[in-house]
Amino acid sequence: MKQAFQPRLLHSGEKRTDVNAQFRAEASALALQFRCDDCAYVVASIGTCSLGWPNAALHTPTLALLEIVRTDGIPEFCKAFEPDGS
């Protein structure tokens, strides 16, 4: 089976923890909206995605707990994110 393209966010010598910390700082400073809580597709009462996407990584209770880069170096982003706007 052919694998889908997954960009790597870690460059040679970079630590995943440093990249995650930098992303959290920038997301906070810029008030980025990208998590399930900000998305029109989340079913707030049960915290799942109405489109059926797995959302454990982006459904963290606080930004401080978010790990945007997995241990294998692949980013955790939802391709179906739609701002809620409310």
C-alpha atoms as a PDB file:
ATOM      1  CA  MET A   1       0.000   0.000   0.000  1.00  0.00           C
ATOM      2  CA  LYS A   2       1.283   3.462  -0.903  1.00  0.00           C
ATOM      3  CA  GLN A   3       1.901   5.775   2.051  1.00  0.00           C
ATOM      4  CA  ALA A   4       0.552   9.307   2.052  1.00  0.00           C
ATOM      5  CA  PHE A   5       3.086  12.113   2.088  1.00  0.00           C
ATOM      6  CA  GLN A   6       3.839  13.239   5.625  1.00  0.00           C
ATOM      7  CA  PRO A   7       6.224  16.170   6.018  1.00  0.00           C
ATOM      8  CA  ARG A   8       8.860  15.943   8.694  1.00  0.00           C
ATOM      9  CA  LEU A   9       9.153  18.955  10.951  1.00  0.00           C
ATOM     10  CA  LEU A  10      12.402  17.960  12.577  1.00  0.00           C
ATOM     11  CA  HIS A  11      15.667  18.898  10.935  1.00  0.00           C
ATOM     12  CA  SER A  12      18.978  17.259  11.707  1.00  0.00           C
ATOM     13  CA  GLY A  13      19.920  17.843  15.328  1.00  0.00           C
ATOM     14  CA  GLU A  14      16.576  19.342  16.371  1.00  0.00           C
ATOM     15  CA  LYS A  15      14.787  17.968  19.389  1.00  0.00           C
ATOM     16  CA  ARG A  16      11.072  17.232  19.199  1.00  0.00           C
ATOM     17  CA  THR A  17      10.564  18.805  22.624  1.00  0.00           C
ATOM     18  CA  ASP A  18      12.153  22.063  21.442  1.00  0.00           C
ATOM     19  CA  VAL A  19      10.008  22.189  18.282  1.00  0.00           C
ATOM     20  CA  ASN A  20       6.865  21.495  20.328  1.00  0.00           C
ATOM     21  CA  ALA A  21       7.774  24.213  22.835  1.00  0.00           C
ATOM     22  CA  GLN A  22       8.456  26.727  20.054  1.00  0.00           C
ATOM     23  CA  PHE A  23       5.139  25.915  18.361  1.00  0.00           C
ATOM     24  CA  ARG A  24       3.215  26.316  21.648  1.00  0.00           C
ATOM     25  CA  ALA A  25       4.884  29.691  22.271  1.00  0.00           C
ATOM     26  CA  GLU A  26       4.128  30.947  18.747  1.00  0.00           C
ATOM     27  CA  ALA A  27       0.552  29.590  18.817  1.00  0.00           C
ATOM     28  CA  SER A  28      -0.035  31.390  22.100  1.00  0.00           C
ATOM     29  CA  ALA A  29       1.564  34.663  21.000  1.00  0.00           C
ATOM     30  CA  LEU A  30      -0.366  34.715  17.703  1.00  0.00           C
ATOM     31  CA  ALA A  31      -3.616  33.277  19.108  1.00  0.00           C
ATOM     32  CA  LEU A  32      -3.585  30.553  16.450  1.00  0.00           C
ATOM     33  CA  GLN A  33      -6.725  28.483  16.133  1.00  0.00           C
ATOM     34  CA  PHE A  34      -6.060  24.926  15.002  1.00  0.00           C
ATOM     35  CA  ARG A  35      -7.287  22.622  17.768  1.00  0.00           C
ATOM     36  CA  CYS A  36     -10.531  20.665  17.904  1.00  0.00           C
ATOM     37  CA  ASP A  37     -11.999  23.092  20.435  1.00  0.00           C
ATOM     38  CA  ASP A  38     -11.756  25.822  17.777  1.00  0.00           C
ATOM     39  CA  CYS A  39     -13.219  23.726  14.947  1.00  0.00           C
ATOM     40  CA  ALA A  40     -16.732  23.732  13.519  1.00  0.00           C
ATOM     41  CA  TYR A  41     -16.641  19.929  13.163  1.00  0.00           C
ATOM     42  CA  VAL A  42     -16.124  19.078  16.834  1.00  0.00           C
ATOM     43  CA  VAL A  43     -19.037  17.573  18.736  1.00  0.00           C
ATOM     44  CA  ALA A  44     -18.463  19.546  21.922  1.00  0.00           C
ATOM     45  CA  SER A  45     -20.694  17.411  24.147  1.00  0.00           C
ATOM     46  CA  ILE A  46     -18.526  14.335  23.612  1.00  0.00           C
ATOM     47  CA  GLY A  47     -15.317  15.859  22.224  1.00  0.00           C
ATOM     48  CA  THR A  48     -15.220  13.879  19.001  1.00  0.00           C
ATOM     49  CA  CYS A  49     -14.945  14.939  15.387  1.00  0.00           C
ATOM     50  CA  SER A  50     -18.209  14.828  13.446  1.00  0.00           C
ATOM     51  CA  LEU A  51     -16.183  13.829  10.353  1.00  0.00           C
ATOM     52  CA  GLY A  52     -14.706  10.870  12.196  1.00  0.00           C
ATOM     53  CA  TRP A  53     -11.083  12.028  12.248  1.00  0.00           C
ATOM     54  CA  PRO A  54      -8.994  10.806  15.198  1.00  0.00           C
ATOM     55  CA  ASN A  55      -8.489  13.863  17.346  1.00  0.00           C
ATOM     56  CA  ALA A  56      -6.761  12.882  20.578  1.00  0.00           C
ATOM     57  CA  ALA A  57      -3.626  14.896  19.774  1.00  0.00           C
ATOM     58  CA  LEU A  58      -5.518  18.114  18.966  1.00  0.00           C
ATOM     59  CA  HIS A  59      -8.163  17.756  21.666  1.00  0.00           C
ATOM     60  CA  THR A  60      -5.879  18.519  24.588  1.00  0.00           C
ATOM     61  CA  PRO A  61      -7.382  20.430  27.516  1.00  0.00           C
ATOM     62  CA  THR A  62      -4.682  23.130  27.355  1.00  0.00           C
ATOM     63  CA  LEU A  63      -2.145  24.357  24.840  1.00  0.00           C
ATOM     64  CA  ALA A  64       0.607  23.509  27.339  1.00  0.00           C
ATOM     65  CA  LEU A  65      -0.112  19.788  26.845  1.00  0.00           C
ATOM     66  CA  LEU A  66      -0.079  19.913  23.050  1.00  0.00           C
ATOM     67  CA  GLU A  67       2.574  17.949  21.172  1.00  0.00           C
ATOM     68  CA  ILE A  68       2.361  19.096  17.559  1.00  0.00           C
ATOM     69  CA  VAL A  69       5.230  16.809  16.463  1.00  0.00           C
ATOM     70  CA  ARG A  70       4.855  13.096  17.198  1.00  0.00           C
ATOM     71  CA  THR A  71       7.741  10.967  18.414  1.00  0.00           C
ATOM     72  CA  ASP A  72       8.346   9.826  14.810  1.00  0.00           C
ATOM     73  CA  GLY A  73       8.734  13.466  13.666  1.00  0.00           C
ATOM     74  CA  ILE A  74       5.421  13.656  11.805  1.00  0.00           C
ATOM     75  CA  PRO A  75       3.183  16.676  12.555  1.00  0.00           C
ATOM     76  CA  GLU A  76      -0.253  16.384  14.161  1.00  0.00           C
ATOM     77  CA  PHE A  77      -2.472  18.641  12.063  1.00  0.00           C
ATOM     78  CA  CYS A  78      -6.049  18.137  10.957  1.00  0.00           C
ATOM     79  CA  LYS A  79      -6.569  18.568   7.217  1.00  0.00           C
ATOM     80  CA  ALA A  80     -10.303  19.174   7.693  1.00  0.00           C
ATOM     81  CA  PHE A  81     -10.042  22.010  10.259  1.00  0.00           C
ATOM     82  CA  GLU A  82     -12.691  24.679   9.788  1.00  0.00           C
ATOM     83  CA  PRO A  83     -12.765  27.632  12.219  1.00  0.00           C
ATOM     84  CA  ASP A  84     -15.913  27.662  14.341  1.00  0.00           C
ATOM     85  CA  GLY A  85     -16.368  31.427  14.118  1.00  0.00           C
ATOM     86  CA  SER A  86     -18.666  31.673  17.125  1.00  0.00           C
END
